[in-house]
């Protein structure tokens, strides 16, 4: 029983950590390099999607967790979703995800809106 609960707790902690990266990517006030935050946010969306949470649901949860709203947040959310849509096929490639998780641009570069 401990293993099951520990595993579920681990999954919840992982989801919270991934949502924090999405929140940082869409938060216009977040500290750090904007491009790096967006790349890490895209990787987090891909990881959350692989775990069963759609990118749209992840963005909604990230906004709620970060108490984010306003035009700048919506603009960042829209841009992140556009990048997701343009690059969906690449966001399951291990090399692409490894680069994005580090905040680096994969090679070849991702398409941008």
N, C-alpha and C. Protein backbone atom coordinates (compact mmCIF):
# COMPACT_ATOMS: atom_id res chain seq x y z
N UNK A 1 0.82 -1.19 0.00
CA UNK A 1 0.00 0.00 0.00
C UNK A 1 0.87 1.26 0.00
N UNK A 2 1.94 1.22 0.72
CA UNK A 2 2.84 2.37 0.77
C UNK A 2 3.34 2.73 -0.62
N UNK A 3 3.68 1.72 -1.40
CA UNK A 3 4.18 1.97 -2.75
C UNK A 3 3.18 2.69 -3.62
N UNK A 4 1.92 2.28 -3.52
CA UNK A 4 0.88 2.91 -4.33
C UNK A 4 0.73 4.37 -3.94
N UNK A 5 0.62 4.63 -2.63
CA UNK A 5 0.46 6.01 -2.18
C UNK A 5 1.69 6.84 -2.49
N UNK A 6 2.84 6.26 -2.30
CA UNK A 6 4.08 6.97 -2.61
C UNK A 6 4.16 7.32 -4.08
N UNK A 7 3.74 6.39 -4.92
CA UNK A 7 3.75 6.62 -6.36
C UNK A 7 2.78 7.73 -6.74
N UNK A 8 1.58 7.70 -6.17
CA UNK A 8 0.60 8.75 -6.47
C UNK A 8 1.09 10.10 -5.99
N UNK A 9 1.70 10.12 -4.81
CA UNK A 9 2.25 11.37 -4.30
C UNK A 9 3.35 11.88 -5.23
N UNK A 10 4.19 10.97 -5.70
CA UNK A 10 5.25 11.35 -6.62
C UNK A 10 4.70 11.92 -7.91
N UNK A 11 3.63 11.31 -8.41
CA UNK A 11 3.01 11.81 -9.64
C UNK A 11 2.43 13.20 -9.42
N UNK A 12 1.79 13.42 -8.25
CA UNK A 12 1.22 14.73 -7.95
C UNK A 12 2.32 15.78 -7.83
N UNK A 13 3.43 15.41 -7.19
CA UNK A 13 4.56 16.34 -7.05
C UNK A 13 5.15 16.67 -8.42
N UNK A 14 5.26 15.65 -9.27
CA UNK A 14 5.76 15.87 -10.63
C UNK A 14 4.84 16.81 -11.39
N UNK A 15 3.53 16.58 -11.28
CA UNK A 15 2.58 17.43 -11.99
C UNK A 15 2.68 18.87 -11.50
N UNK A 16 2.80 19.06 -10.18
CA UNK A 16 2.95 20.41 -9.65
C UNK A 16 4.21 21.09 -10.17
N UNK A 17 5.31 20.35 -10.25
CA UNK A 17 6.56 20.90 -10.76
C UNK A 17 6.43 21.27 -12.24
N UNK A 18 5.76 20.42 -13.00
CA UNK A 18 5.56 20.71 -14.43
C UNK A 18 4.63 21.91 -14.61
N UNK A 19 3.55 21.97 -13.82
CA UNK A 19 2.64 23.11 -13.91
C UNK A 19 3.35 24.41 -13.53
N UNK A 20 4.29 24.34 -12.60
CA UNK A 20 5.05 25.54 -12.22
C UNK A 20 5.86 26.05 -13.41
N UNK A 21 6.37 25.15 -14.25
CA UNK A 21 7.12 25.56 -15.44
C UNK A 21 6.20 26.20 -16.47
N UNK A 22 4.99 25.65 -16.61
CA UNK A 22 4.01 26.25 -17.52
C UNK A 22 3.62 27.63 -17.00
N UNK A 23 3.39 27.73 -15.69
CA UNK A 23 3.03 29.02 -15.08
C UNK A 23 4.11 30.06 -15.35
N UNK A 24 5.37 29.69 -15.17
CA UNK A 24 6.47 30.63 -15.42
C UNK A 24 6.51 31.05 -16.89
N UNK A 25 6.19 30.13 -17.79
CA UNK A 25 6.24 30.43 -19.22
C UNK A 25 5.19 31.46 -19.62
N UNK A 26 4.03 31.45 -18.95
CA UNK A 26 2.95 32.37 -19.34
C UNK A 26 2.84 33.58 -18.42
N UNK A 27 3.69 33.64 -17.39
CA UNK A 27 3.67 34.75 -16.45
C UNK A 27 4.59 35.86 -16.95
N UNK A 28 4.01 36.99 -17.38
CA UNK A 28 4.85 38.08 -17.90
C UNK A 28 5.78 38.67 -16.84
N UNK A 29 5.51 38.41 -15.57
CA UNK A 29 6.34 38.94 -14.47
C UNK A 29 7.39 37.95 -13.99
N UNK A 30 7.45 36.76 -14.58
CA UNK A 30 8.38 35.72 -14.12
C UNK A 30 9.83 36.15 -14.33
N UNK A 31 10.67 35.80 -13.36
CA UNK A 31 12.10 36.08 -13.47
C UNK A 31 12.74 35.06 -14.39
N UNK A 32 13.74 35.50 -15.13
CA UNK A 32 14.48 34.58 -15.99
C UNK A 32 14.39 34.97 -17.45
N UNK A 33 15.14 34.26 -18.26
CA UNK A 33 15.18 34.48 -19.70
C UNK A 33 13.86 34.00 -20.31
N UNK A 34 13.15 34.88 -20.98
CA UNK A 34 11.83 34.58 -21.52
C UNK A 34 11.86 33.37 -22.46
N UNK A 35 12.82 33.33 -23.38
CA UNK A 35 12.90 32.21 -24.33
C UNK A 35 13.13 30.89 -23.60
N UNK A 36 13.99 30.92 -22.60
CA UNK A 36 14.27 29.71 -21.82
C UNK A 36 13.02 29.25 -21.08
N UNK A 37 12.28 30.19 -20.48
CA UNK A 37 11.05 29.85 -19.77
C UNK A 37 10.02 29.23 -20.72
N UNK A 38 9.92 29.79 -21.92
CA UNK A 38 8.96 29.26 -22.90
C UNK A 38 9.36 27.85 -23.33
N UNK A 39 10.64 27.64 -23.56
CA UNK A 39 11.10 26.29 -23.96
C UNK A 39 10.81 25.27 -22.87
N UNK A 40 11.10 25.63 -21.63
CA UNK A 40 10.82 24.72 -20.52
C UNK A 40 9.31 24.51 -20.36
N UNK A 41 8.54 25.55 -20.61
CA UNK A 41 7.08 25.43 -20.55
C UNK A 41 6.54 24.49 -21.61
N UNK A 42 7.10 24.57 -22.82
CA UNK A 42 6.70 23.64 -23.89
C UNK A 42 7.02 22.20 -23.52
N UNK A 43 8.20 21.97 -22.97
CA UNK A 43 8.57 20.61 -22.54
C UNK A 43 7.62 20.13 -21.46
N UNK A 44 7.26 21.02 -20.53
CA UNK A 44 6.33 20.64 -19.46
C UNK A 44 4.96 20.31 -20.03
N UNK A 45 4.50 21.09 -21.03
CA UNK A 45 3.22 20.76 -21.68
C UNK A 45 3.28 19.38 -22.31
N UNK A 46 4.40 19.06 -22.95
CA UNK A 46 4.55 17.74 -23.58
C UNK A 46 4.53 16.63 -22.53
N UNK A 47 5.22 16.85 -21.42
CA UNK A 47 5.25 15.84 -20.35
C UNK A 47 3.87 15.67 -19.71
N UNK A 48 3.18 16.78 -19.49
CA UNK A 48 1.83 16.70 -18.93
C UNK A 48 0.87 16.01 -19.90
N UNK A 49 1.02 16.32 -21.19
CA UNK A 49 0.19 15.68 -22.21
C UNK A 49 0.42 14.17 -22.22
N UNK A 50 1.68 13.76 -22.12
CA UNK A 50 2.01 12.33 -22.10
C UNK A 50 1.42 11.65 -20.87
N UNK A 51 1.23 12.42 -19.79
CA UNK A 51 0.65 11.88 -18.55
C UNK A 51 -0.87 11.97 -18.54
N UNK A 52 -1.46 12.51 -19.62
CA UNK A 52 -2.92 12.53 -19.73
C UNK A 52 -3.60 13.86 -19.52
N UNK A 53 -2.85 14.94 -19.36
CA UNK A 53 -3.45 16.27 -19.20
C UNK A 53 -3.21 17.06 -20.48
N UNK A 54 -4.29 17.45 -21.15
CA UNK A 54 -4.15 18.17 -22.42
C UNK A 54 -3.44 19.51 -22.20
N UNK A 55 -2.81 20.04 -23.25
CA UNK A 55 -2.16 21.35 -23.11
C UNK A 55 -3.14 22.45 -22.68
N UNK A 56 -4.35 22.40 -23.21
CA UNK A 56 -5.35 23.41 -22.83
C UNK A 56 -5.67 23.33 -21.34
N UNK A 57 -5.85 22.10 -20.84
CA UNK A 57 -6.13 21.91 -19.41
C UNK A 57 -4.93 22.33 -18.57
N UNK A 58 -3.73 22.03 -19.04
CA UNK A 58 -2.52 22.42 -18.31
C UNK A 58 -2.42 23.94 -18.20
N UNK A 59 -2.72 24.64 -19.30
CA UNK A 59 -2.67 26.11 -19.26
C UNK A 59 -3.70 26.66 -18.29
N UNK A 60 -4.90 26.10 -18.29
CA UNK A 60 -5.95 26.54 -17.37
C UNK A 60 -5.51 26.33 -15.93
N UNK A 61 -4.95 25.16 -15.63
CA UNK A 61 -4.47 24.87 -14.27
C UNK A 61 -3.31 25.79 -13.89
N UNK A 62 -2.41 26.04 -14.83
CA UNK A 62 -1.26 26.90 -14.55
C UNK A 62 -1.70 28.32 -14.23
N UNK A 63 -2.68 28.82 -14.98
CA UNK A 63 -3.20 30.17 -14.70
C UNK A 63 -3.81 30.22 -13.31
N UNK A 64 -4.59 29.19 -12.96
CA UNK A 64 -5.24 29.16 -11.65
C UNK A 64 -4.20 29.07 -10.53
N UNK A 65 -3.20 28.20 -10.68
CA UNK A 65 -2.17 28.04 -9.64
C UNK A 65 -1.38 29.32 -9.44
N UNK A 66 -1.13 30.05 -10.52
CA UNK A 66 -0.34 31.27 -10.43
C UNK A 66 -1.18 32.51 -10.23
N UNK A 67 -2.51 32.33 -10.11
CA UNK A 67 -3.44 33.46 -10.01
C UNK A 67 -3.16 34.47 -11.12
N UNK A 68 -2.98 33.95 -12.34
CA UNK A 68 -2.64 34.80 -13.48
C UNK A 68 -3.88 35.13 -14.29
N UNK A 69 -3.96 36.38 -14.71
CA UNK A 69 -5.00 36.81 -15.65
C UNK A 69 -4.51 38.07 -16.33
N UNK A 70 -5.30 38.58 -17.24
CA UNK A 70 -4.91 39.80 -17.94
C UNK A 70 -4.45 39.54 -19.35
N UNK A 71 -4.34 40.63 -20.11
CA UNK A 71 -4.01 40.55 -21.53
C UNK A 71 -2.64 39.94 -21.79
N UNK A 72 -1.64 40.32 -20.99
CA UNK A 72 -0.28 39.80 -21.22
C UNK A 72 -0.22 38.30 -21.00
N UNK A 73 -0.90 37.82 -19.95
CA UNK A 73 -0.93 36.38 -19.68
C UNK A 73 -1.64 35.65 -20.82
N UNK A 74 -2.76 36.21 -21.28
CA UNK A 74 -3.51 35.58 -22.37
C UNK A 74 -2.67 35.55 -23.65
N UNK A 75 -1.93 36.62 -23.90
CA UNK A 75 -1.07 36.67 -25.08
C UNK A 75 0.02 35.59 -24.99
N UNK A 76 0.62 35.44 -23.81
CA UNK A 76 1.66 34.42 -23.62
C UNK A 76 1.07 33.01 -23.75
N UNK A 77 -0.14 32.81 -23.20
CA UNK A 77 -0.80 31.50 -23.29
C UNK A 77 -1.10 31.16 -24.74
N UNK A 78 -1.60 32.14 -25.47
CA UNK A 78 -1.92 31.92 -26.89
C UNK A 78 -0.66 31.58 -27.67
N UNK A 79 0.43 32.30 -27.41
CA UNK A 79 1.68 32.04 -28.12
C UNK A 79 2.20 30.63 -27.81
N UNK A 80 2.13 30.22 -26.53
CA UNK A 80 2.59 28.89 -26.15
C UNK A 80 1.75 27.82 -26.86
N UNK A 81 0.43 28.02 -26.94
CA UNK A 81 -0.44 27.06 -27.64
C UNK A 81 -0.14 27.05 -29.14
N UNK A 82 0.15 28.20 -29.72
CA UNK A 82 0.49 28.25 -31.14
C UNK A 82 1.79 27.49 -31.39
N UNK A 83 2.76 27.66 -30.51
CA UNK A 83 4.03 26.92 -30.65
C UNK A 83 3.77 25.42 -30.50
N UNK A 84 2.91 25.05 -29.55
CA UNK A 84 2.54 23.64 -29.36
C UNK A 84 1.95 23.10 -30.67
N UNK A 85 0.98 23.83 -31.23
CA UNK A 85 0.29 23.38 -32.45
C UNK A 85 1.26 23.25 -33.62
N UNK A 86 2.14 24.22 -33.79
CA UNK A 86 3.09 24.19 -34.90
C UNK A 86 4.12 23.07 -34.77
N UNK A 87 4.39 22.64 -33.54
CA UNK A 87 5.48 21.69 -33.30
C UNK A 87 5.05 20.39 -32.63
N UNK A 88 3.75 20.09 -32.64
CA UNK A 88 3.25 18.91 -31.94
C UNK A 88 4.02 17.64 -32.29
N UNK A 89 4.28 17.44 -33.56
CA UNK A 89 4.96 16.20 -33.98
C UNK A 89 6.37 16.10 -33.40
N UNK A 90 7.01 17.23 -33.17
CA UNK A 90 8.38 17.22 -32.65
C UNK A 90 8.44 17.09 -31.13
N UNK A 91 7.32 17.38 -30.47
CA UNK A 91 7.33 17.42 -29.01
C UNK A 91 7.24 16.05 -28.36
N UNK A 92 7.41 15.01 -29.16
CA UNK A 92 7.51 13.66 -28.60
C UNK A 92 8.89 13.06 -28.90
N UNK A 93 9.73 13.83 -29.58
CA UNK A 93 11.09 13.37 -29.90
C UNK A 93 11.99 13.56 -28.68
N UNK A 94 12.68 12.49 -28.25
CA UNK A 94 13.54 12.60 -27.06
C UNK A 94 14.58 13.72 -27.15
N UNK A 95 15.24 13.88 -28.28
CA UNK A 95 16.28 14.91 -28.40
C UNK A 95 15.68 16.31 -28.28
N UNK A 96 14.52 16.50 -28.89
CA UNK A 96 13.84 17.80 -28.80
C UNK A 96 13.45 18.09 -27.36
N UNK A 97 12.85 17.11 -26.69
CA UNK A 97 12.42 17.31 -25.31
C UNK A 97 13.61 17.54 -24.38
N UNK A 98 14.69 16.82 -24.58
CA UNK A 98 15.88 17.02 -23.75
C UNK A 98 16.38 18.45 -23.85
N UNK A 99 16.46 18.98 -25.07
CA UNK A 99 16.92 20.36 -25.26
C UNK A 99 15.96 21.34 -24.60
N UNK A 100 14.66 21.16 -24.83
CA UNK A 100 13.67 22.08 -24.27
C UNK A 100 13.68 22.05 -22.75
N UNK A 101 13.81 20.88 -22.16
CA UNK A 101 13.84 20.78 -20.69
C UNK A 101 15.01 21.56 -20.11
N UNK A 102 16.09 21.69 -20.87
CA UNK A 102 17.26 22.47 -20.43
C UNK A 102 17.10 23.95 -20.76
N UNK A 103 16.02 24.29 -21.46
CA UNK A 103 15.80 25.68 -21.86
C UNK A 103 16.54 26.05 -23.13
N UNK A 104 17.00 25.03 -23.87
CA UNK A 104 17.77 25.27 -25.09
C UNK A 104 16.90 25.05 -26.32
N UNK A 105 17.28 25.68 -27.43
CA UNK A 105 16.57 25.47 -28.69
C UNK A 105 17.06 24.17 -29.30
N UNK A 106 16.13 23.28 -29.66
CA UNK A 106 16.55 22.03 -30.31
C UNK A 106 17.06 22.30 -31.72
N UNK A 107 17.74 21.32 -32.27
CA UNK A 107 18.26 21.42 -33.63
C UNK A 107 17.63 20.31 -34.45
N UNK A 108 16.88 20.61 -35.51
CA UNK A 108 16.58 21.95 -36.03
C UNK A 108 15.66 22.73 -35.11
N UNK A 109 15.66 24.04 -35.29
CA UNK A 109 14.87 24.93 -34.44
C UNK A 109 13.38 24.65 -34.60
N UNK A 110 12.63 24.96 -33.55
CA UNK A 110 11.18 24.82 -33.61
C UNK A 110 10.58 25.92 -34.48
N UNK A 111 9.41 25.63 -35.02
CA UNK A 111 8.66 26.66 -35.75
C UNK A 111 8.07 27.62 -34.73
N UNK A 112 8.01 28.90 -35.12
CA UNK A 112 7.44 29.92 -34.23
C UNK A 112 6.32 30.64 -34.94
N UNK A 113 5.33 31.11 -34.16
CA UNK A 113 4.19 31.84 -34.78
C UNK A 113 4.63 33.15 -35.38
